[in-house]
Amino acid sequence: MRELENVRNSILQIFDSASWIQFIHEGLLPAYTSQEKAKNVIKGNLSSHCAICRNINRCCFPKNNMPKYPLHPNCHCYLLDIPRPQVTAECPEEKFERYIFSPEYVGNGKIQLYTKWGYGKINTKYLVNELTRQADKKYSNGDFELGLLNEYGQRISIVTELNRLDGKGIVKFLTGWMVYPDGKIQLTTPYGGEVK
């Protein structure tokens, strides 16, 4: 019985550590915040190490869903095989309190969408928890679409589903995330278009 359990654990470990890579650029500190990414853009303009390499340093991707490599001609980055990272999705509350549900941004139509689905500012904590829960799972499973890669880093899109509080089923829409080092992603766009 113990042998069977060991075999089972070995098989699970193989699948759990399935084919992930980490971009590495020796000698450069990884950017763990948007402020650090912004500083890397300035530094990239002043040195031979470009901002793209600086801001993808230590970011993790499944091999079957990663940015093209090398990132550019004469790229000094290399890829390191790693086990599946411990994913941490972060969704700042201000994305809802100061943006989606802010009267200042009524013209962008997003407050109307969330309101139509039955959500308001009072639901901010629930929305933050639900978006991070789904993003944790989907990024960890490689279930995302690569977006723009530029000097600020790699963006990804994740399909998010919410139960409509108006009782009319489920709504599916894209959310936008920025990839940070060591398995961290952070919400940048709480609504990027409906998915049919």
N, C-alpha and C. Protein backbone atom coordinates (compact mmCIF):
# COMPACT_ATOMS: atom_id res chain seq x y z
N MET A 1 0.82 -1.19 0.00
CA MET A 1 0.00 0.00 0.00
C MET A 1 0.87 1.26 0.00
N ARG A 2 1.94 1.22 0.80
CA ARG A 2 2.83 2.37 0.88
C ARG A 2 3.53 2.60 -0.46
N GLU A 3 3.90 1.51 -1.16
CA GLU A 3 4.54 1.63 -2.47
C GLU A 3 3.62 2.31 -3.47
N LEU A 4 2.36 1.94 -3.46
CA LEU A 4 1.36 2.54 -4.35
C LEU A 4 1.22 4.04 -4.07
N GLU A 5 1.24 4.40 -2.81
CA GLU A 5 1.15 5.82 -2.41
C GLU A 5 2.38 6.58 -2.89
N ASN A 6 3.58 5.98 -2.80
CA ASN A 6 4.80 6.62 -3.29
C ASN A 6 4.76 6.83 -4.79
N VAL A 7 4.28 5.83 -5.54
CA VAL A 7 4.16 5.95 -6.99
C VAL A 7 3.17 7.07 -7.33
N ARG A 8 2.03 7.07 -6.64
CA ARG A 8 1.02 8.11 -6.87
C ARG A 8 1.61 9.50 -6.61
N ASN A 9 2.34 9.67 -5.52
CA ASN A 9 2.95 10.96 -5.20
C ASN A 9 3.99 11.38 -6.24
N SER A 10 4.76 10.40 -6.75
CA SER A 10 5.75 10.70 -7.79
C SER A 10 5.07 11.18 -9.06
N ILE A 11 3.99 10.53 -9.45
CA ILE A 11 3.24 10.93 -10.66
C ILE A 11 2.66 12.33 -10.47
N LEU A 12 2.06 12.58 -9.32
CA LEU A 12 1.49 13.90 -9.05
C LEU A 12 2.57 14.98 -9.07
N GLN A 13 3.75 14.65 -8.56
CA GLN A 13 4.84 15.62 -8.54
C GLN A 13 5.29 15.96 -9.97
N ILE A 14 5.30 14.98 -10.85
CA ILE A 14 5.67 15.22 -12.25
C ILE A 14 4.69 16.19 -12.88
N PHE A 15 3.37 15.95 -12.67
CA PHE A 15 2.37 16.83 -13.26
C PHE A 15 2.39 18.20 -12.59
N ASP A 16 2.63 18.24 -11.29
CA ASP A 16 2.61 19.51 -10.57
C ASP A 16 3.77 20.40 -10.97
N SER A 17 4.90 19.79 -11.32
CA SER A 17 6.06 20.59 -11.68
C SER A 17 6.17 20.72 -13.19
N ALA A 18 5.03 20.60 -13.87
CA ALA A 18 5.02 20.56 -15.32
C ALA A 18 5.59 21.81 -15.95
N SER A 19 6.64 21.66 -16.68
CA SER A 19 7.18 22.55 -17.67
C SER A 19 6.94 24.04 -17.49
N TRP A 20 7.51 24.61 -16.49
CA TRP A 20 7.51 26.06 -16.30
C TRP A 20 8.92 26.59 -16.47
N ILE A 21 9.02 27.82 -16.90
CA ILE A 21 10.33 28.47 -17.03
C ILE A 21 10.28 29.82 -16.30
N GLN A 22 11.47 30.29 -16.00
CA GLN A 22 11.61 31.62 -15.41
C GLN A 22 12.66 32.36 -16.24
N PHE A 23 12.31 33.58 -16.66
CA PHE A 23 13.29 34.42 -17.37
C PHE A 23 14.29 34.93 -16.35
N ILE A 24 15.56 34.80 -16.67
CA ILE A 24 16.63 35.25 -15.77
C ILE A 24 17.55 36.21 -16.52
N HIS A 25 17.84 37.32 -15.89
CA HIS A 25 18.84 38.25 -16.41
C HIS A 25 19.81 38.52 -15.27
N GLU A 26 20.97 37.88 -15.35
CA GLU A 26 21.97 37.97 -14.29
C GLU A 26 22.36 39.42 -14.00
N GLY A 27 22.55 39.72 -12.73
CA GLY A 27 23.05 41.02 -12.32
C GLY A 27 22.01 42.11 -12.21
N LEU A 28 20.76 41.81 -12.55
CA LEU A 28 19.70 42.82 -12.45
C LEU A 28 18.71 42.42 -11.36
N LEU A 29 18.26 43.38 -10.58
CA LEU A 29 17.27 43.11 -9.54
C LEU A 29 15.89 43.00 -10.17
N PRO A 30 15.08 42.03 -9.73
CA PRO A 30 13.72 41.92 -10.26
C PRO A 30 12.84 43.08 -9.78
N ALA A 31 11.85 43.43 -10.57
CA ALA A 31 10.93 44.52 -10.23
C ALA A 31 9.64 43.94 -9.66
N TYR A 32 9.45 44.11 -8.35
CA TYR A 32 8.29 43.54 -7.67
C TYR A 32 7.11 44.51 -7.55
N THR A 33 7.29 45.77 -7.95
CA THR A 33 6.21 46.76 -7.86
C THR A 33 6.14 47.55 -9.16
N SER A 34 5.03 48.24 -9.38
CA SER A 34 4.92 49.06 -10.58
C SER A 34 5.91 50.22 -10.53
N GLN A 35 6.23 50.70 -9.33
CA GLN A 35 7.23 51.77 -9.20
C GLN A 35 8.61 51.27 -9.63
N GLU A 36 8.95 50.04 -9.23
CA GLU A 36 10.24 49.48 -9.64
C GLU A 36 10.28 49.25 -11.15
N LYS A 37 9.14 48.83 -11.73
CA LYS A 37 9.08 48.68 -13.19
C LYS A 37 9.31 50.02 -13.88
N ALA A 38 8.68 51.08 -13.36
CA ALA A 38 8.85 52.42 -13.94
C ALA A 38 10.31 52.87 -13.86
N LYS A 39 10.98 52.59 -12.74
CA LYS A 39 12.40 52.94 -12.61
C LYS A 39 13.24 52.16 -13.62
N ASN A 40 12.86 50.90 -13.87
CA ASN A 40 13.60 50.09 -14.84
C ASN A 40 13.48 50.65 -16.25
N VAL A 41 12.35 51.29 -16.55
CA VAL A 41 12.18 51.90 -17.88
C VAL A 41 13.20 53.02 -18.03
N ILE A 42 13.35 53.84 -17.00
CA ILE A 42 14.34 54.93 -17.04
C ILE A 42 15.75 54.36 -17.14
N LYS A 43 16.05 53.37 -16.30
CA LYS A 43 17.38 52.75 -16.32
C LYS A 43 17.66 52.10 -17.66
N GLY A 44 16.62 51.50 -18.26
CA GLY A 44 16.78 50.84 -19.56
C GLY A 44 17.17 51.81 -20.66
N ASN A 45 16.72 53.06 -20.51
CA ASN A 45 17.09 54.08 -21.50
C ASN A 45 18.52 54.56 -21.31
N LEU A 46 19.10 54.27 -20.15
CA LEU A 46 20.43 54.80 -19.84
C LEU A 46 21.52 53.72 -19.83
N SER A 47 21.15 52.47 -20.11
CA SER A 47 22.15 51.40 -20.03
C SER A 47 22.00 50.43 -21.18
N SER A 48 22.88 49.45 -21.22
CA SER A 48 22.82 48.45 -22.28
C SER A 48 21.81 47.35 -21.97
N HIS A 49 21.25 47.34 -20.76
CA HIS A 49 20.24 46.35 -20.41
C HIS A 49 18.86 46.97 -20.60
N CYS A 50 18.14 46.49 -21.59
CA CYS A 50 16.87 47.12 -21.96
C CYS A 50 15.82 46.93 -20.87
N ALA A 51 14.81 47.81 -20.90
CA ALA A 51 13.73 47.78 -19.90
C ALA A 51 12.91 46.50 -20.01
N ILE A 52 12.74 45.97 -21.21
CA ILE A 52 11.97 44.72 -21.36
C ILE A 52 12.64 43.61 -20.56
N CYS A 53 13.95 43.45 -20.72
CA CYS A 53 14.68 42.41 -19.99
C CYS A 53 14.65 42.69 -18.48
N ARG A 54 14.80 43.93 -18.10
CA ARG A 54 14.75 44.29 -16.68
C ARG A 54 13.40 43.91 -16.07
N ASN A 55 12.32 44.15 -16.82
CA ASN A 55 10.99 43.97 -16.24
C ASN A 55 10.37 42.60 -16.47
N ILE A 56 11.08 41.73 -17.16
CA ILE A 56 10.61 40.34 -17.24
C ILE A 56 11.51 39.43 -16.40
N ASN A 57 12.57 40.00 -15.85
CA ASN A 57 13.52 39.25 -15.03
C ASN A 57 12.79 38.55 -13.88
N ARG A 58 12.96 37.23 -13.80
CA ARG A 58 12.39 36.34 -12.78
C ARG A 58 10.89 36.10 -12.94
N CYS A 59 10.29 36.55 -14.04
CA CYS A 59 8.87 36.25 -14.29
C CYS A 59 8.74 34.81 -14.78
N CYS A 60 7.63 34.17 -14.42
CA CYS A 60 7.44 32.73 -14.67
C CYS A 60 6.29 32.49 -15.65
N PHE A 61 6.49 31.49 -16.51
CA PHE A 61 5.48 31.14 -17.51
C PHE A 61 5.54 29.64 -17.78
N PRO A 62 4.40 29.02 -18.11
CA PRO A 62 4.47 27.65 -18.61
C PRO A 62 5.13 27.66 -19.98
N LYS A 63 5.87 26.63 -20.29
CA LYS A 63 6.61 26.60 -21.57
C LYS A 63 5.68 26.69 -22.77
N ASN A 64 4.45 26.19 -22.63
CA ASN A 64 3.53 26.21 -23.76
C ASN A 64 2.75 27.53 -23.87
N ASN A 65 3.06 28.51 -23.00
CA ASN A 65 2.36 29.80 -23.04
C ASN A 65 3.30 30.88 -22.49
N MET A 66 4.35 31.16 -23.24
CA MET A 66 5.37 32.10 -22.77
C MET A 66 5.71 33.09 -23.87
N PRO A 67 6.29 34.23 -23.51
CA PRO A 67 6.73 35.18 -24.53
C PRO A 67 7.80 34.56 -25.43
N LYS A 68 7.90 35.08 -26.64
CA LYS A 68 8.93 34.55 -27.57
C LYS A 68 10.30 34.75 -26.95
N TYR A 69 11.17 33.81 -27.25
CA TYR A 69 12.52 33.87 -26.70
C TYR A 69 13.51 33.59 -27.82
N PRO A 70 14.57 34.34 -27.96
CA PRO A 70 14.98 35.48 -27.15
C PRO A 70 14.04 36.68 -27.34
N LEU A 71 14.07 37.57 -26.38
CA LEU A 71 13.16 38.72 -26.39
C LEU A 71 13.51 39.70 -27.50
N HIS A 72 14.77 39.77 -27.88
CA HIS A 72 15.23 40.68 -28.93
C HIS A 72 16.62 40.23 -29.36
N PRO A 73 17.15 40.74 -30.46
CA PRO A 73 18.51 40.36 -30.86
C PRO A 73 19.51 40.71 -29.75
N ASN A 74 20.47 39.87 -29.55
CA ASN A 74 21.51 40.03 -28.53
C ASN A 74 20.95 40.06 -27.09
N CYS A 75 19.82 39.41 -26.89
CA CYS A 75 19.21 39.34 -25.54
C CYS A 75 20.13 38.56 -24.61
N HIS A 76 20.35 39.07 -23.41
CA HIS A 76 21.21 38.39 -22.43
C HIS A 76 20.42 37.53 -21.45
N CYS A 77 19.11 37.52 -21.57
CA CYS A 77 18.29 36.69 -20.67
C CYS A 77 18.49 35.22 -21.02
N TYR A 78 18.27 34.36 -20.02
CA TYR A 78 18.21 32.93 -20.29
C TYR A 78 17.00 32.37 -19.56
N LEU A 79 16.61 31.16 -19.95
CA LEU A 79 15.44 30.51 -19.36
C LEU A 79 15.89 29.45 -18.38
N LEU A 80 15.26 29.44 -17.23
CA LEU A 80 15.56 28.47 -16.19
C LEU A 80 14.34 27.58 -16.00
N ASP A 81 14.51 26.25 -16.12
CA ASP A 81 13.42 25.33 -15.84
C ASP A 81 13.13 25.35 -14.35
N ILE A 82 11.86 25.51 -14.00
CA ILE A 82 11.46 25.58 -12.58
C ILE A 82 10.21 24.74 -12.35
N PRO A 83 9.96 24.35 -11.09
CA PRO A 83 8.67 23.74 -10.79
C PRO A 83 7.58 24.80 -10.90
N ARG A 84 6.35 24.35 -11.02
CA ARG A 84 5.24 25.30 -11.07
C ARG A 84 5.33 26.24 -9.87
N PRO A 85 5.31 27.56 -10.11
CA PRO A 85 5.49 28.50 -9.00
C PRO A 85 4.25 28.57 -8.10
N GLN A 86 4.46 29.04 -6.90
CA GLN A 86 3.35 29.36 -6.00
C GLN A 86 2.79 30.69 -6.48
N VAL A 87 1.61 30.66 -7.08
CA VAL A 87 1.04 31.86 -7.69
C VAL A 87 0.38 32.75 -6.64
N THR A 88 0.59 34.04 -6.80
CA THR A 88 -0.06 35.04 -5.95
C THR A 88 -0.68 36.09 -6.85
N ALA A 89 -2.01 36.10 -6.93
CA ALA A 89 -2.71 37.14 -7.69
C ALA A 89 -3.11 38.24 -6.72
N GLU A 90 -2.88 39.47 -7.13
CA GLU A 90 -3.24 40.62 -6.30
C GLU A 90 -4.19 41.52 -7.08
N CYS A 91 -5.21 41.97 -6.38
CA CYS A 91 -6.22 42.84 -6.98
C CYS A 91 -6.45 44.00 -6.02
N PRO A 92 -5.86 45.15 -6.28
CA PRO A 92 -6.05 46.29 -5.37
C PRO A 92 -7.51 46.73 -5.31
N GLU A 93 -8.01 46.96 -4.10
CA GLU A 93 -9.40 47.38 -3.93
C GLU A 93 -9.69 48.68 -4.66
N GLU A 94 -8.67 49.54 -4.79
CA GLU A 94 -8.91 50.82 -5.45
C GLU A 94 -9.29 50.67 -6.92
N LYS A 95 -9.00 49.50 -7.52
CA LYS A 95 -9.44 49.26 -8.90
C LYS A 95 -10.96 49.31 -9.00
N PHE A 96 -11.63 48.96 -7.89
CA PHE A 96 -13.09 49.04 -7.87
C PHE A 96 -13.56 50.32 -7.19
N GLU A 97 -13.03 50.60 -6.01
CA GLU A 97 -13.51 51.76 -5.24
C GLU A 97 -13.20 53.08 -5.93
N ARG A 98 -12.01 53.21 -6.52
CA ARG A 98 -11.61 54.50 -7.10
C ARG A 98 -11.66 54.53 -8.62
N TYR A 99 -12.05 53.41 -9.22
CA TYR A 99 -12.12 53.39 -10.68
C TYR A 99 -13.49 52.90 -11.16
N ILE A 100 -13.74 51.59 -11.02
CA ILE A 100 -15.00 51.05 -11.53
C ILE A 100 -16.21 51.76 -10.94
N PHE A 101 -16.25 51.93 -9.62
CA PHE A 101 -17.43 52.51 -8.96
C PHE A 101 -17.27 54.00 -8.63
N SER A 102 -16.30 54.64 -9.24
CA SER A 102 -16.09 56.07 -8.99
C SER A 102 -16.95 56.89 -9.95
N PRO A 103 -17.67 57.88 -9.42
CA PRO A 103 -18.47 58.76 -10.29
C PRO A 103 -17.62 59.50 -11.32
N GLU A 104 -16.33 59.64 -11.03
CA GLU A 104 -15.40 60.31 -11.94
C GLU A 104 -15.31 59.61 -13.30
N TYR A 105 -15.47 58.27 -13.29
CA TYR A 105 -15.26 57.50 -14.51
C TYR A 105 -16.56 56.94 -15.10
N VAL A 106 -17.67 57.58 -14.81
CA VAL A 106 -18.97 57.11 -15.30
C VAL A 106 -18.96 57.00 -16.82
N GLY A 107 -18.28 57.89 -17.48
CA GLY A 107 -18.27 57.93 -18.94
C GLY A 107 -17.65 56.72 -19.61
N ASN A 108 -16.87 55.92 -18.89
CA ASN A 108 -16.22 54.77 -19.54
C ASN A 108 -17.14 53.56 -19.66
N GLY A 109 -18.31 53.61 -19.04
CA GLY A 109 -19.31 52.55 -19.18
C GLY A 109 -19.12 51.35 -18.28
N LYS A 110 -18.00 51.26 -17.57
CA LYS A 110 -17.74 50.08 -16.76
C LYS A 110 -18.63 50.03 -15.51
N ILE A 111 -18.88 51.19 -14.91
CA ILE A 111 -19.76 51.21 -13.74
C ILE A 111 -21.16 50.75 -14.13
N GLN A 112 -21.60 51.12 -15.35
CA GLN A 112 -22.92 50.70 -15.81
C GLN A 112 -22.98 49.18 -15.98
N LEU A 113 -21.89 48.59 -16.49
CA LEU A 113 -21.87 47.13 -16.67
C LEU A 113 -21.95 46.41 -15.33
N TYR A 114 -21.06 46.78 -14.40
CA TYR A 114 -21.07 46.12 -13.10
C TYR A 114 -22.41 46.35 -12.39
N THR A 115 -22.97 47.53 -12.52
CA THR A 115 -24.28 47.83 -11.90
C THR A 115 -25.36 46.98 -12.56
N LYS A 116 -25.31 46.85 -13.87
CA LYS A 116 -26.28 46.03 -14.60
C LYS A 116 -26.23 44.58 -14.12
N TRP A 117 -25.02 44.11 -13.78
CA TRP A 117 -24.89 42.74 -13.29
C TRP A 117 -25.30 42.61 -11.82
N GLY A 118 -25.59 43.74 -11.17
CA GLY A 118 -26.05 43.72 -9.78
C GLY A 118 -25.00 44.09 -8.76
N TYR A 119 -23.82 44.52 -9.20
CA TYR A 119 -22.73 44.83 -8.28
C TYR A 119 -22.60 46.33 -8.05
N GLY A 120 -22.17 46.68 -6.84
CA GLY A 120 -21.91 48.06 -6.49
C GLY A 120 -20.67 48.14 -5.62
N LYS A 121 -20.36 49.34 -5.18
CA LYS A 121 -19.17 49.57 -4.36
C LYS A 121 -19.17 48.68 -3.12
N ILE A 122 -20.36 48.37 -2.61
CA ILE A 122 -20.49 47.52 -1.42
C ILE A 122 -19.94 46.11 -1.67
N ASN A 123 -19.85 45.71 -2.94
CA ASN A 123 -19.37 44.36 -3.30
C ASN A 123 -17.87 44.31 -3.59
N THR A 124 -17.15 45.38 -3.30
CA THR A 124 -15.74 45.46 -3.65
C THR A 124 -14.93 44.28 -3.09
N LYS A 125 -15.06 43.98 -1.82
CA LYS A 125 -14.26 42.89 -1.22
C LYS A 125 -14.57 41.56 -1.91
N TYR A 126 -15.85 41.30 -2.17
CA TYR A 126 -16.22 40.07 -2.86
C TYR A 126 -15.56 40.02 -4.24
N LEU A 127 -15.64 41.11 -5.00
CA LEU A 127 -15.07 41.15 -6.35
C LEU A 127 -13.56 40.94 -6.32
N VAL A 128 -12.89 41.59 -5.38
CA VAL A 128 -11.44 41.43 -5.22
C VAL A 128 -11.11 39.97 -4.94
N ASN A 129 -11.82 39.36 -4.00
CA ASN A 129 -11.56 37.96 -3.65
C ASN A 129 -11.85 37.02 -4.81
N GLU A 130 -12.95 37.27 -5.52
CA GLU A 130 -13.33 36.37 -6.62
C GLU A 130 -12.37 36.50 -7.80
N LEU A 131 -11.99 37.71 -8.16
CA LEU A 131 -11.06 37.89 -9.27
C LEU A 131 -9.69 37.29 -8.94
N THR A 132 -9.21 37.47 -7.71
CA THR A 132 -7.91 36.90 -7.35
C THR A 132 -7.98 35.38 -7.27
N ARG A 133 -9.08 34.84 -6.79
CA ARG A 133 -9.23 33.38 -6.71
C ARG A 133 -9.16 32.77 -8.10
N GLN A 134 -9.93 33.34 -9.03
CA GLN A 134 -9.94 32.80 -10.38
C GLN A 134 -8.59 33.01 -11.08
N ALA A 135 -7.98 34.16 -10.88
CA ALA A 135 -6.68 34.43 -11.52
C ALA A 135 -5.60 33.51 -10.98
N ASP A 136 -5.59 33.27 -9.66
CA ASP A 136 -4.64 32.32 -9.07
C ASP A 136 -4.70 30.98 -9.80
N LYS A 137 -5.91 30.47 -9.92
CA LYS A 137 -6.11 29.15 -10.51
C LYS A 137 -5.74 29.13 -11.99
N LYS A 138 -6.22 30.13 -12.73
CA LYS A 138 -6.00 30.11 -14.18
C LYS A 138 -4.55 30.37 -14.55
N TYR A 139 -3.89 31.30 -13.87
CA TYR A 139 -2.48 31.54 -14.17
C TYR A 139 -1.66 30.30 -13.82
N SER A 140 -1.97 29.69 -12.69
CA SER A 140 -1.26 28.49 -12.26
C SER A 140 -1.41 27.35 -13.26
N ASN A 141 -2.57 27.28 -13.94
CA ASN A 141 -2.83 26.24 -14.92
C ASN A 141 -2.41 26.64 -16.33
N GLY A 142 -1.86 27.86 -16.48
CA GLY A 142 -1.46 28.32 -17.81
C GLY A 142 -2.64 28.72 -18.68
N ASP A 143 -3.78 28.95 -18.05
CA ASP A 143 -5.02 29.29 -18.76
C ASP A 143 -5.16 30.81 -18.86
N PHE A 144 -4.36 31.40 -19.73
CA PHE A 144 -4.39 32.84 -19.94
C PHE A 144 -3.88 33.12 -21.35
N GLU A 145 -4.09 34.33 -21.80
CA GLU A 145 -3.61 34.74 -23.11
C GLU A 145 -2.54 35.81 -22.92
N LEU A 146 -1.42 35.62 -23.60
CA LEU A 146 -0.37 36.63 -23.55
C LEU A 146 -0.87 37.90 -24.23
N GLY A 147 -0.58 39.03 -23.60
CA GLY A 147 -0.94 40.32 -24.17
C GLY A 147 0.31 41.08 -24.57
N LEU A 148 0.24 42.37 -24.42
CA LEU A 148 1.34 43.25 -24.80
C LEU A 148 2.57 43.00 -23.93
N LEU A 149 3.72 42.87 -24.58
CA LEU A 149 5.01 42.84 -23.89
C LEU A 149 5.75 44.09 -24.33
N ASN A 150 6.05 44.96 -23.37
CA ASN A 150 6.82 46.17 -23.71
C ASN A 150 7.76 46.49 -22.55
N GLU A 151 8.28 47.71 -22.54
CA GLU A 151 9.28 48.06 -21.52
C GLU A 151 8.74 47.98 -20.09
N TYR A 152 7.42 47.96 -19.91
CA TYR A 152 6.85 47.86 -18.57
C TYR A 152 6.62 46.41 -18.13
N GLY A 153 6.76 45.46 -19.05
CA GLY A 153 6.61 44.06 -18.71
C GLY A 153 5.59 43.34 -19.57
N GLN A 154 5.24 42.12 -19.12
CA GLN A 154 4.32 41.26 -19.86
C GLN A 154 2.93 41.34 -19.25
N ARG A 155 1.95 41.66 -20.10
CA ARG A 155 0.55 41.65 -19.68
C ARG A 155 -0.09 40.35 -20.14
N ILE A 156 -1.08 39.90 -19.38
CA ILE A 156 -1.85 38.71 -19.76
C ILE A 156 -3.33 39.01 -19.57
N SER A 157 -4.17 38.28 -20.30
CA SER A 157 -5.62 38.38 -20.15
C SER A 157 -6.14 37.06 -19.60
N ILE A 158 -7.06 37.18 -18.66
CA ILE A 158 -7.68 36.00 -18.04
C ILE A 158 -9.19 36.13 -18.17
N VAL A 159 -9.83 35.06 -18.63
CA VAL A 159 -11.30 35.06 -18.69
C VAL A 159 -11.83 34.86 -17.28
N THR A 160 -12.68 35.79 -16.86
CA THR A 160 -13.27 35.77 -15.52
C THR A 160 -14.77 35.57 -15.65
N GLU A 161 -15.34 34.81 -14.72
CA GLU A 161 -16.79 34.57 -14.71
C GLU A 161 -17.36 35.07 -13.39
N LEU A 162 -18.47 35.78 -13.49
CA LEU A 162 -19.19 36.22 -12.28
C LEU A 162 -20.64 35.84 -12.40
N ASN A 163 -21.21 35.39 -11.28
CA ASN A 163 -22.64 35.20 -11.22
C ASN A 163 -23.29 36.57 -11.24
N ARG A 164 -24.26 36.74 -12.11
CA ARG A 164 -24.98 38.02 -12.15
C ARG A 164 -25.91 38.07 -10.94
N LEU A 165 -25.79 39.11 -10.16
CA LEU A 165 -26.64 39.25 -8.98
C LEU A 165 -28.06 39.64 -9.34
N ASP A 166 -28.29 39.98 -10.62
CA ASP A 166 -29.65 40.27 -11.07
C ASP A 166 -30.40 38.98 -11.43
N GLY A 167 -29.76 37.82 -11.20
CA GLY A 167 -30.40 36.53 -11.42
C GLY A 167 -30.43 36.07 -12.86
N LYS A 168 -29.66 36.68 -13.74
CA LYS A 168 -29.71 36.34 -15.16
C LYS A 168 -28.50 35.54 -15.61
N GLY A 169 -28.04 34.62 -14.77
CA GLY A 169 -26.97 33.72 -15.15
C GLY A 169 -25.58 34.21 -14.82
N ILE A 170 -24.65 33.95 -15.74
CA ILE A 170 -23.23 34.23 -15.53
C ILE A 170 -22.76 35.18 -16.63
N VAL A 171 -21.86 36.06 -16.27
CA VAL A 171 -21.21 36.91 -17.26
C VAL A 171 -19.73 36.53 -17.33
N LYS A 172 -19.21 36.44 -18.57
CA LYS A 172 -17.80 36.12 -18.80
C LYS A 172 -17.16 37.34 -19.44
N PHE A 173 -16.01 37.73 -18.91
CA PHE A 173 -15.31 38.88 -19.46
C PHE A 173 -13.82 38.75 -19.23
N LEU A 174 -13.06 39.52 -19.98
CA LEU A 174 -11.60 39.51 -19.83
C LEU A 174 -11.18 40.46 -18.72
N THR A 175 -10.19 40.04 -17.96
CA THR A 175 -9.52 40.92 -17.01
C THR A 175 -8.05 40.96 -17.41
N GLY A 176 -7.43 42.11 -17.20
CA GLY A 176 -6.03 42.28 -17.58
C GLY A 176 -5.12 42.25 -16.37
N TRP A 177 -3.97 41.60 -16.49
CA TRP A 177 -3.03 41.41 -15.38
C TRP A 177 -1.62 41.69 -15.86
N MET A 178 -0.77 42.18 -14.96
CA MET A 178 0.66 42.37 -15.23
C MET A 178 1.40 41.25 -14.52
N VAL A 179 2.38 40.65 -15.20
CA VAL A 179 3.17 39.56 -14.61
C VAL A 179 4.37 40.17 -13.87
N TYR A 180 4.55 39.71 -12.65
CA TYR A 180 5.67 40.12 -11.81
C TYR A 180 6.53 38.89 -11.49
N PRO A 181 7.69 39.07 -10.89
CA PRO A 181 8.56 37.93 -10.60
C PRO A 181 7.96 36.90 -9.63
N ASP A 182 8.46 35.68 -9.77
CA ASP A 182 8.22 34.60 -8.81
C ASP A 182 6.75 34.21 -8.66
N GLY A 183 5.97 34.30 -9.74
CA GLY A 183 4.59 33.82 -9.71
C GLY A 183 3.55 34.85 -9.29
N LYS A 184 3.94 36.11 -9.19
CA LYS A 184 2.99 37.15 -8.81
C LYS A 184 2.39 37.78 -10.06
N ILE A 185 1.05 37.99 -10.04
CA ILE A 185 0.39 38.77 -11.06
C ILE A 185 -0.49 39.80 -10.36
N GLN A 186 -0.70 40.95 -11.01
CA GLN A 186 -1.50 42.01 -10.40
C GLN A 186 -2.50 42.53 -11.42
N LEU A 187 -3.74 42.73 -10.96
CA LEU A 187 -4.80 43.23 -11.82
C LEU A 187 -4.47 44.63 -12.31
N THR A 188 -4.61 44.83 -13.61
CA THR A 188 -4.47 46.16 -14.19
C THR A 188 -5.79 46.64 -14.79
N THR A 189 -6.59 45.71 -15.32
CA THR A 189 -7.85 46.06 -15.99
C THR A 189 -8.97 45.16 -15.48
N PRO A 190 -9.92 45.73 -14.71
CA PRO A 190 -11.03 44.93 -14.17
C PRO A 190 -12.08 44.53 -15.21
N TYR A 191 -12.03 45.14 -16.38
CA TYR A 191 -12.95 44.77 -17.44
C TYR A 191 -12.30 45.09 -18.78
N GLY A 192 -12.05 44.04 -19.56
CA GLY A 192 -11.41 44.23 -20.86
C GLY A 192 -12.26 43.75 -22.02
N GLY A 193 -13.55 43.59 -21.78
CA GLY A 193 -14.45 43.17 -22.85
C GLY A 193 -15.14 41.86 -22.51
N GLU A 194 -16.39 41.75 -22.96
CA GLU A 194 -17.18 40.55 -22.68
C GLU A 194 -16.73 39.39 -23.57
N VAL A 195 -16.82 38.18 -23.06
CA VAL A 195 -16.48 36.97 -23.80
C VAL A 195 -17.77 36.23 -24.05
N LYS A 196 -18.01 35.90 -25.28
CA LYS A 196 -19.24 35.18 -25.65
C LYS A 196 -19.09 33.69 -25.44
